[in-house]
Amino acid sequence: MRYLLYVPDISCNHCKMRISKKLDQIGVKEYQVDVPNRTVLVKTDDLKIITDALEEIGYPVQRFERVAD
């Protein structure tokens, strides 16, 4: 499933690099970090792993929505 995560603390490319590094570490293969819109589009079967990982590095997910595959 794909989810669009709203992460209000994304503000620059450094944020994008930190998020990308963390997602790579936990084995996420398909994702896109959009700095201007402060969102992360991610394909996962376990959303909680993603949200917990982002919160762990200081980027809590404010809300999310499922998007069509």
N, C-alpha and C. Protein backbone atom coordinates (compact mmCIF):
# COMPACT_ATOMS: atom_id res chain seq x y z
N MET A 1 0.84 -1.19 0.00
CA MET A 1 0.00 0.00 0.00
C MET A 1 0.88 1.25 0.00
N ARG A 2 0.35 2.30 -0.59
CA ARG A 2 1.07 3.57 -0.59
C ARG A 2 0.35 4.57 0.30
N TYR A 3 1.16 5.36 1.00
CA TYR A 3 0.63 6.36 1.92
C TYR A 3 1.32 7.69 1.68
N LEU A 4 0.56 8.76 1.84
CA LEU A 4 1.11 10.11 1.81
C LEU A 4 1.14 10.60 3.24
N LEU A 5 2.34 10.83 3.75
CA LEU A 5 2.52 11.24 5.14
C LEU A 5 2.78 12.74 5.18
N TYR A 6 2.07 13.43 6.05
CA TYR A 6 2.26 14.87 6.23
C TYR A 6 3.19 15.07 7.43
N VAL A 7 4.38 15.62 7.15
CA VAL A 7 5.42 15.78 8.16
C VAL A 7 5.79 17.27 8.23
N PRO A 8 5.13 18.03 9.10
CA PRO A 8 5.31 19.49 9.10
C PRO A 8 6.72 19.98 9.42
N ASP A 9 7.55 19.14 10.02
CA ASP A 9 8.90 19.58 10.38
C ASP A 9 9.91 19.46 9.25
N ILE A 10 9.50 18.97 8.08
CA ILE A 10 10.40 18.96 6.92
C ILE A 10 10.53 20.39 6.42
N SER A 11 11.78 20.89 6.37
CA SER A 11 11.94 22.29 5.95
C SER A 11 13.07 22.51 4.95
N CYS A 12 13.93 21.49 4.74
CA CYS A 12 15.09 21.72 3.87
C CYS A 12 15.63 20.39 3.35
N ASN A 13 16.64 20.47 2.52
CA ASN A 13 17.24 19.25 1.97
C ASN A 13 17.97 18.43 3.01
N HIS A 14 18.44 19.07 4.08
CA HIS A 14 19.05 18.31 5.18
C HIS A 14 18.01 17.39 5.80
N CYS A 15 16.79 17.89 5.98
CA CYS A 15 15.69 17.06 6.49
C CYS A 15 15.46 15.88 5.56
N LYS A 16 15.44 16.17 4.27
CA LYS A 16 15.22 15.13 3.26
C LYS A 16 16.30 14.05 3.35
N MET A 17 17.56 14.46 3.53
CA MET A 17 18.65 13.50 3.63
C MET A 17 18.53 12.64 4.88
N ARG A 18 18.16 13.25 6.01
CA ARG A 18 18.01 12.48 7.26
C ARG A 18 16.88 11.47 7.13
N ILE A 19 15.75 11.89 6.56
CA ILE A 19 14.61 10.99 6.39
C ILE A 19 14.97 9.86 5.42
N SER A 20 15.61 10.20 4.32
CA SER A 20 16.00 9.19 3.33
C SER A 20 16.95 8.17 3.94
N LYS A 21 17.92 8.64 4.71
CA LYS A 21 18.87 7.74 5.35
C LYS A 21 18.16 6.77 6.28
N LYS A 22 17.21 7.28 7.07
CA LYS A 22 16.49 6.43 8.02
C LYS A 22 15.62 5.41 7.28
N LEU A 23 14.93 5.84 6.25
CA LEU A 23 14.09 4.91 5.49
C LEU A 23 14.94 3.84 4.82
N ASP A 24 16.11 4.22 4.32
CA ASP A 24 17.02 3.23 3.73
C ASP A 24 17.47 2.23 4.80
N GLN A 25 17.78 2.72 6.00
CA GLN A 25 18.25 1.85 7.08
C GLN A 25 17.22 0.80 7.46
N ILE A 26 15.94 1.16 7.43
CA ILE A 26 14.92 0.20 7.84
C ILE A 26 14.39 -0.62 6.67
N GLY A 27 15.01 -0.44 5.49
CA GLY A 27 14.71 -1.30 4.36
C GLY A 27 13.57 -0.87 3.46
N VAL A 28 13.17 0.40 3.54
CA VAL A 28 12.11 0.90 2.67
C VAL A 28 12.70 1.12 1.28
N LYS A 29 12.08 0.54 0.27
CA LYS A 29 12.61 0.61 -1.09
C LYS A 29 12.00 1.74 -1.91
N GLU A 30 10.71 1.99 -1.70
CA GLU A 30 10.01 2.97 -2.53
C GLU A 30 9.47 4.11 -1.67
N TYR A 31 10.05 5.29 -1.89
CA TYR A 31 9.58 6.48 -1.18
C TYR A 31 10.03 7.73 -1.93
N GLN A 32 9.35 8.82 -1.65
CA GLN A 32 9.73 10.13 -2.18
C GLN A 32 9.51 11.15 -1.08
N VAL A 33 10.52 11.96 -0.82
CA VAL A 33 10.42 13.04 0.16
C VAL A 33 10.24 14.34 -0.61
N ASP A 34 9.16 15.05 -0.33
CA ASP A 34 8.83 16.31 -1.02
C ASP A 34 8.97 17.45 -0.01
N VAL A 35 10.09 18.17 -0.11
CA VAL A 35 10.38 19.24 0.85
C VAL A 35 9.36 20.38 0.79
N PRO A 36 9.06 20.96 -0.41
CA PRO A 36 8.13 22.09 -0.44
C PRO A 36 6.74 21.77 0.15
N ASN A 37 6.26 20.54 -0.09
CA ASN A 37 4.94 20.17 0.42
C ASN A 37 4.98 19.49 1.78
N ARG A 38 6.20 19.27 2.29
CA ARG A 38 6.40 18.64 3.60
C ARG A 38 5.69 17.29 3.70
N THR A 39 5.90 16.46 2.68
CA THR A 39 5.27 15.15 2.65
C THR A 39 6.30 14.06 2.31
N VAL A 40 5.92 12.84 2.67
CA VAL A 40 6.69 11.66 2.28
C VAL A 40 5.69 10.68 1.69
N LEU A 41 5.92 10.29 0.45
CA LEU A 41 5.10 9.28 -0.20
C LEU A 41 5.86 7.97 -0.06
N VAL A 42 5.22 6.97 0.54
CA VAL A 42 5.94 5.73 0.86
C VAL A 42 5.07 4.52 0.54
N LYS A 43 5.74 3.47 0.06
CA LYS A 43 5.05 2.20 -0.19
C LYS A 43 5.48 1.24 0.92
N THR A 44 4.50 0.74 1.68
CA THR A 44 4.81 -0.14 2.80
C THR A 44 3.61 -0.99 3.17
N ASP A 45 3.89 -2.12 3.79
CA ASP A 45 2.83 -2.95 4.35
C ASP A 45 2.67 -2.72 5.84
N ASP A 46 3.61 -1.98 6.45
CA ASP A 46 3.57 -1.71 7.88
C ASP A 46 3.85 -0.24 8.15
N LEU A 47 2.80 0.56 8.15
CA LEU A 47 2.94 2.00 8.32
C LEU A 47 3.53 2.38 9.67
N LYS A 48 3.23 1.61 10.71
CA LYS A 48 3.72 1.95 12.05
C LYS A 48 5.24 1.95 12.12
N ILE A 49 5.89 1.02 11.41
CA ILE A 49 7.35 1.02 11.38
C ILE A 49 7.87 2.34 10.82
N ILE A 50 7.22 2.83 9.78
CA ILE A 50 7.64 4.09 9.14
C ILE A 50 7.42 5.27 10.08
N THR A 51 6.22 5.37 10.64
CA THR A 51 5.91 6.52 11.51
C THR A 51 6.78 6.51 12.76
N ASP A 52 7.03 5.33 13.32
CA ASP A 52 7.91 5.24 14.50
C ASP A 52 9.33 5.67 14.15
N ALA A 53 9.82 5.24 13.00
CA ALA A 53 11.18 5.59 12.58
C ALA A 53 11.32 7.09 12.36
N LEU A 54 10.32 7.71 11.75
CA LEU A 54 10.39 9.16 11.52
C LEU A 54 10.32 9.92 12.84
N GLU A 55 9.47 9.47 13.74
CA GLU A 55 9.38 10.14 15.04
C GLU A 55 10.69 10.01 15.81
N GLU A 56 11.33 8.87 15.69
CA GLU A 56 12.60 8.61 16.38
C GLU A 56 13.67 9.62 15.98
N ILE A 57 13.65 10.09 14.73
CA ILE A 57 14.66 11.06 14.28
C ILE A 57 14.15 12.50 14.27
N GLY A 58 12.99 12.73 14.90
CA GLY A 58 12.51 14.10 15.07
C GLY A 58 11.57 14.62 14.01
N TYR A 59 10.96 13.70 13.25
CA TYR A 59 10.01 14.10 12.21
C TYR A 59 8.68 13.38 12.39
N PRO A 60 7.92 13.78 13.42
CA PRO A 60 6.64 13.09 13.65
C PRO A 60 5.65 13.34 12.51
N VAL A 61 4.89 12.30 12.18
CA VAL A 61 3.88 12.38 11.14
C VAL A 61 2.62 12.99 11.74
N GLN A 62 2.17 14.12 11.18
CA GLN A 62 0.98 14.79 11.68
C GLN A 62 -0.29 14.04 11.29
N ARG A 63 -0.33 13.61 10.03
CA ARG A 63 -1.46 12.83 9.54
C ARG A 63 -1.02 12.11 8.28
N PHE A 64 -1.84 11.18 7.83
CA PHE A 64 -1.50 10.44 6.62
C PHE A 64 -2.79 10.05 5.91
N GLU A 65 -2.64 9.72 4.64
CA GLU A 65 -3.78 9.21 3.88
C GLU A 65 -3.28 8.13 2.93
N ARG A 66 -4.12 7.16 2.71
CA ARG A 66 -3.79 6.10 1.76
C ARG A 66 -4.04 6.63 0.36
N VAL A 67 -3.13 6.31 -0.56
CA VAL A 67 -3.29 6.74 -1.95
C VAL A 67 -3.32 5.52 -2.84
N ALA A 68 -3.93 5.67 -4.00
CA ALA A 68 -4.06 4.55 -4.94
C ALA A 68 -2.70 4.08 -5.42
N ASP A 69 -2.56 2.78 -5.59
CA ASP A 69 -1.31 2.20 -6.08
C ASP A 69 -1.14 2.47 -7.56
